[in-house]
PDB file of N, CA and C in Angstrom:
ATOM      1  N   UNK A   1     -39.778 -16.561  27.987  1.00  0.00           N
ATOM      2  CA  UNK A   1     -38.464 -16.952  28.465  1.00  0.00           C
ATOM      3  C   UNK A   1     -37.486 -17.089  27.299  1.00  0.00           C
ATOM      4  N   UNK A   2     -37.891 -17.787  26.244  1.00  0.00           N
ATOM      5  CA  UNK A   2     -37.004 -17.966  25.082  1.00  0.00           C
ATOM      6  C   UNK A   2     -36.750 -16.645  24.371  1.00  0.00           C
ATOM      7  N   UNK A   3     -37.798 -15.803  24.307  1.00  0.00           N
ATOM      8  CA  UNK A   3     -37.648 -14.522  23.624  1.00  0.00           C
ATOM      9  C   UNK A   3     -36.662 -13.631  24.379  1.00  0.00           C
ATOM     10  N   UNK A   4     -36.729 -13.635  25.685  1.00  0.00           N
ATOM     11  CA  UNK A   4     -35.810 -12.851  26.502  1.00  0.00           C
ATOM     12  C   UNK A   4     -34.385 -13.337  26.328  1.00  0.00           C
ATOM     13  N   UNK A   5     -34.200 -14.636  26.298  1.00  0.00           N
ATOM     14  CA  UNK A   5     -32.869 -15.204  26.105  1.00  0.00           C
ATOM     15  C   UNK A   5     -32.334 -14.847  24.719  1.00  0.00           C
ATOM     16  N   UNK A   6     -33.188 -14.886  23.704  1.00  0.00           N
ATOM     17  CA  UNK A   6     -32.763 -14.553  22.344  1.00  0.00           C
ATOM     18  C   UNK A   6     -32.341 -13.086  22.256  1.00  0.00           C
ATOM     19  N   UNK A   7     -33.085 -12.204  22.913  1.00  0.00           N
ATOM     20  CA  UNK A   7     -32.740 -10.783  22.904  1.00  0.00           C
ATOM     21  C   UNK A   7     -31.417 -10.553  23.634  1.00  0.00           C
ATOM     22  N   UNK A   8     -31.237 -11.204  24.753  1.00  0.00           N
ATOM     23  CA  UNK A   8     -30.000 -11.092  25.510  1.00  0.00           C
ATOM     24  C   UNK A   8     -28.810 -11.591  24.693  1.00  0.00           C
ATOM     25  N   UNK A   9     -28.984 -12.702  24.030  1.00  0.00           N
ATOM     26  CA  UNK A   9     -27.916 -13.265  23.200  1.00  0.00           C
ATOM     27  C   UNK A   9     -27.589 -12.342  22.028  1.00  0.00           C
ATOM     28  N   UNK A  10     -28.603 -11.767  21.406  1.00  0.00           N
ATOM     29  CA  UNK A  10     -28.398 -10.855  20.283  1.00  0.00           C
ATOM     30  C   UNK A  10     -27.647  -9.605  20.739  1.00  0.00           C
ATOM     31  N   UNK A  11     -28.007  -9.063  21.891  1.00  0.00           N
ATOM     32  CA  UNK A  11     -27.307  -7.894  22.423  1.00  0.00           C
ATOM     33  C   UNK A  11     -25.849  -8.215  22.724  1.00  0.00           C
ATOM     34  N   UNK A  12     -25.591  -9.373  23.257  1.00  0.00           N
ATOM     35  CA  UNK A  12     -24.231  -9.792  23.558  1.00  0.00           C
ATOM     36  C   UNK A  12     -23.397  -9.887  22.277  1.00  0.00           C
ATOM     37  N   UNK A  13     -23.960 -10.458  21.246  1.00  0.00           N
ATOM     38  CA  UNK A  13     -23.260 -10.592  19.962  1.00  0.00           C
ATOM     39  C   UNK A  13     -22.992  -9.219  19.356  1.00  0.00           C
ATOM     40  N   UNK A  14     -23.974  -8.334  19.395  1.00  0.00           N
ATOM     41  CA  UNK A  14     -23.791  -6.992  18.832  1.00  0.00           C
ATOM     42  C   UNK A  14     -22.738  -6.193  19.589  1.00  0.00           C
ATOM     43  N   UNK A  15     -22.746  -6.259  20.908  1.00  0.00           N
ATOM     44  CA  UNK A  15     -21.754  -5.535  21.697  1.00  0.00           C
ATOM     45  C   UNK A  15     -20.353  -6.099  21.490  1.00  0.00           C
ATOM     46  N   UNK A  16     -20.256  -7.399  21.361  1.00  0.00           N
ATOM     47  CA  UNK A  16     -18.952  -8.018  21.109  1.00  0.00           C
ATOM     48  C   UNK A  16     -18.406  -7.590  19.749  1.00  0.00           C
ATOM     49  N   UNK A  17     -19.256  -7.587  18.755  1.00  0.00           N
ATOM     50  CA  UNK A  17     -18.843  -7.163  17.420  1.00  0.00           C
ATOM     51  C   UNK A  17     -18.428  -5.709  17.386  1.00  0.00           C
ATOM     52  N   UNK A  18     -19.164  -4.856  18.096  1.00  0.00           N
ATOM     53  CA  UNK A  18     -18.833  -3.433  18.135  1.00  0.00           C
ATOM     54  C   UNK A  18     -17.485  -3.209  18.808  1.00  0.00           C
ATOM     55  N   UNK A  19     -17.213  -3.938  19.870  1.00  0.00           N
ATOM     56  CA  UNK A  19     -15.932  -3.754  20.566  1.00  0.00           C
ATOM     57  C   UNK A  19     -14.765  -4.211  19.697  1.00  0.00           C
ATOM     58  N   UNK A  20     -14.948  -5.258  18.920  1.00  0.00           N
ATOM     59  CA  UNK A  20     -13.889  -5.720  18.013  1.00  0.00           C
ATOM     60  C   UNK A  20     -13.631  -4.671  16.933  1.00  0.00           C
ATOM     61  N   UNK A  21     -14.685  -4.107  16.371  1.00  0.00           N
ATOM     62  CA  UNK A  21     -14.521  -3.101  15.324  1.00  0.00           C
ATOM     63  C   UNK A  21     -13.850  -1.837  15.859  1.00  0.00           C
ATOM     64  N   UNK A  22     -14.233  -1.407  17.039  1.00  0.00           N
ATOM     65  CA  UNK A  22     -13.614  -0.206  17.611  1.00  0.00           C
ATOM     66  C   UNK A  22     -12.152  -0.454  17.959  1.00  0.00           C
ATOM     67  N   UNK A  23     -11.834  -1.636  18.408  1.00  0.00           N
ATOM     68  CA  UNK A  23     -10.440  -1.972  18.692  1.00  0.00           C
ATOM     69  C   UNK A  23      -9.604  -2.006  17.428  1.00  0.00           C
ATOM     70  N   UNK A  24     -10.199  -2.442  16.342  1.00  0.00           N
ATOM     71  CA  UNK A  24      -9.485  -2.504  15.067  1.00  0.00           C
ATOM     72  C   UNK A  24      -9.149  -1.111  14.553  1.00  0.00           C
ATOM     73  N   UNK A  25      -9.991  -0.136  14.832  1.00  0.00           N
ATOM     74  CA  UNK A  25      -9.713   1.236  14.394  1.00  0.00           C
ATOM     75  C   UNK A  25      -8.420   1.743  15.029  1.00  0.00           C
ATOM     76  N   UNK A  26      -8.260   1.524  16.315  1.00  0.00           N
ATOM     77  CA  UNK A  26      -7.045   1.972  16.991  1.00  0.00           C
ATOM     78  C   UNK A  26      -5.822   1.229  16.469  1.00  0.00           C
ATOM     79  N   UNK A  27      -5.972  -0.044  16.206  1.00  0.00           N
ATOM     80  CA  UNK A  27      -4.854  -0.834  15.697  1.00  0.00           C
ATOM     81  C   UNK A  27      -4.431  -0.347  14.313  1.00  0.00           C
ATOM     82  N   UNK A  28      -5.393  -0.063  13.461  1.00  0.00           N
ATOM     83  CA  UNK A  28      -5.098   0.411  12.114  1.00  0.00           C
ATOM     84  C   UNK A  28      -4.424   1.777  12.147  1.00  0.00           C
ATOM     85  N   UNK A  29      -4.894   2.649  13.017  1.00  0.00           N
ATOM     86  CA  UNK A  29      -4.273   3.973  13.135  1.00  0.00           C
ATOM     87  C   UNK A  29      -2.834   3.842  13.617  1.00  0.00           C
ATOM     88  N   UNK A  30      -2.596   2.982  14.568  1.00  0.00           N
ATOM     89  CA  UNK A  30      -1.238   2.770  15.077  1.00  0.00           C
ATOM     90  C   UNK A  30      -0.321   2.195  14.015  1.00  0.00           C
ATOM     91  N   UNK A  31      -0.837   1.272  13.231  1.00  0.00           N
ATOM     92  CA  UNK A  31      -0.025   0.686  12.156  1.00  0.00           C
ATOM     93  C   UNK A  31       0.312   1.737  11.112  1.00  0.00           C
ATOM     94  N   UNK A  32      -0.619   2.621  10.806  1.00  0.00           N
ATOM     95  CA  UNK A  32      -0.361   3.699   9.851  1.00  0.00           C
ATOM     96  C   UNK A  32       0.725   4.634  10.345  1.00  0.00           C
ATOM     97  N   UNK A  33       0.716   4.929  11.629  1.00  0.00           N
ATOM     98  CA  UNK A  33       1.753   5.793  12.197  1.00  0.00           C
ATOM     99  C   UNK A  33       3.109   5.110  12.142  1.00  0.00           C
ATOM    100  N   UNK A  34       3.140   3.807  12.397  1.00  0.00           N
ATOM    101  CA  UNK A  34       4.401   3.058  12.338  1.00  0.00           C
ATOM    102  C   UNK A  34       4.978   3.057  10.924  1.00  0.00           C
ATOM    103  N   UNK A  35       4.129   2.845   9.944  1.00  0.00           N
ATOM    104  CA  UNK A  35       4.585   2.836   8.544  1.00  0.00           C
ATOM    105  C   UNK A  35       5.081   4.218   8.149  1.00  0.00           C
ATOM    106  N   UNK A  36       4.380   5.251   8.601  1.00  0.00           N
ATOM    107  CA  UNK A  36       4.799   6.613   8.298  1.00  0.00           C
ATOM    108  C   UNK A  36       6.159   6.915   8.917  1.00  0.00           C
ATOM    109  N   UNK A  37       6.362   6.500  10.161  1.00  0.00           N
ATOM    110  CA  UNK A  37       7.646   6.722  10.825  1.00  0.00           C
ATOM    111  C   UNK A  37       8.769   5.979  10.102  1.00  0.00           C
ATOM    112  N   UNK A  38       8.494   4.777   9.641  1.00  0.00           N
ATOM    113  CA  UNK A  38       9.504   4.019   8.893  1.00  0.00           C
ATOM    114  C   UNK A  38       9.835   4.722   7.582  1.00  0.00           C
ATOM    115  N   UNK A  39       8.837   5.261   6.910  1.00  0.00           N
ATOM    116  CA  UNK A  39       9.063   5.998   5.672  1.00  0.00           C
ATOM    117  C   UNK A  39       9.926   7.229   5.893  1.00  0.00           C
ATOM    118  N   UNK A  40       9.675   7.939   6.987  1.00  0.00           N
ATOM    119  CA  UNK A  40      10.490   9.114   7.302  1.00  0.00           C
ATOM    120  C   UNK A  40      11.930   8.712   7.595  1.00  0.00           C
ATOM    121  N   UNK A  41      12.110   7.599   8.287  1.00  0.00           N
ATOM    122  CA  UNK A  41      13.459   7.131   8.604  1.00  0.00           C
ATOM    123  C   UNK A  41      14.229   6.783   7.325  1.00  0.00           C
ATOM    124  N   UNK A  42      13.565   6.127   6.386  1.00  0.00           N
ATOM    125  CA  UNK A  42      14.210   5.763   5.112  1.00  0.00           C
ATOM    126  C   UNK A  42      14.554   7.025   4.328  1.00  0.00           C
ATOM    127  N   UNK A  43      13.640   7.984   4.305  1.00  0.00           N
ATOM    128  CA  UNK A  43      13.895   9.250   3.593  1.00  0.00           C
ATOM    129  C   UNK A  43      15.085   9.982   4.196  1.00  0.00           C
ATOM    130  N   UNK A  44      15.122  10.060   5.520  1.00  0.00           N
ATOM    131  CA  UNK A  44      16.240  10.743   6.189  1.00  0.00           C
ATOM    132  C   UNK A  44      17.563  10.041   5.921  1.00  0.00           C
ATOM    133  N   UNK A  45      17.565   8.716   5.938  1.00  0.00           N
ATOM    134  CA  UNK A  45      18.792   7.970   5.660  1.00  0.00           C
ATOM    135  C   UNK A  45      19.255   8.204   4.231  1.00  0.00           C
ATOM    136  N   UNK A  46      18.308   8.214   3.301  1.00  0.00           N
ATOM    137  CA  UNK A  46      18.669   8.443   1.898  1.00  0.00           C
ATOM    138  C   UNK A  46      19.241   9.841   1.707  1.00  0.00           C
ATOM    139  N   UNK A  47      18.673  10.832   2.395  1.00  0.00           N
ATOM    140  CA  UNK A  47      19.197  12.192   2.292  1.00  0.00           C
ATOM    141  C   UNK A  47      20.619  12.293   2.849  1.00  0.00           C
ATOM    142  N   UNK A  48      20.873  11.604   3.949  1.00  0.00           N
ATOM    143  CA  UNK A  48      22.219  11.608   4.539  1.00  0.00           C
ATOM    144  C   UNK A  48      23.235  10.980   3.589  1.00  0.00           C
ATOM    145  N   UNK A  49      22.859   9.863   2.975  1.00  0.00           N
ATOM    146  CA  UNK A  49      23.774   9.174   2.043  1.00  0.00           C
ATOM    147  C   UNK A  49      24.003  10.054   0.814  1.00  0.00           C
ATOM    148  N   UNK A  50      22.949  10.668   0.313  1.00  0.00           N
ATOM    149  CA  UNK A  50      23.054  11.512  -0.874  1.00  0.00           C
ATOM    150  C   UNK A  50      23.938  12.729  -0.601  1.00  0.00           C
ATOM    151  N   UNK A  51      23.810  13.347   0.542  1.00  0.00           N
ATOM    152  CA  UNK A  51      24.613  14.536   0.845  1.00  0.00           C
ATOM    153  C   UNK A  51      26.067  14.164   1.157  1.00  0.00           C
ATOM    154  N   UNK A  52      26.323  12.906   1.522  1.00  0.00           N
ATOM    155  CA  UNK A  52      27.684  12.465   1.812  1.00  0.00           C
ATOM    156  C   UNK A  52      28.462  12.116   0.567  1.00  0.00           C
ATOM    157  N   UNK A  53      27.781  11.952  -0.556  1.00  0.00           N
ATOM    158  CA  UNK A  53      28.474  11.567  -1.792  1.00  0.00           C
ATOM    159  C   UNK A  53      29.051  12.712  -2.484  1.00  0.00           C
TER     160      UNK A  53
END
């Protein structure tokens, strides 16, 4: 009985940890895209200001 409960608890912990790690991958990828988009916006603004001078 105790061994079964320990195995069940261990599986629950492992699955919870895996879901957190997989969720973090998507979050990190999204943050990278946001930073890239911001960089492009700054570059485009700088080019507009430079060509206007």
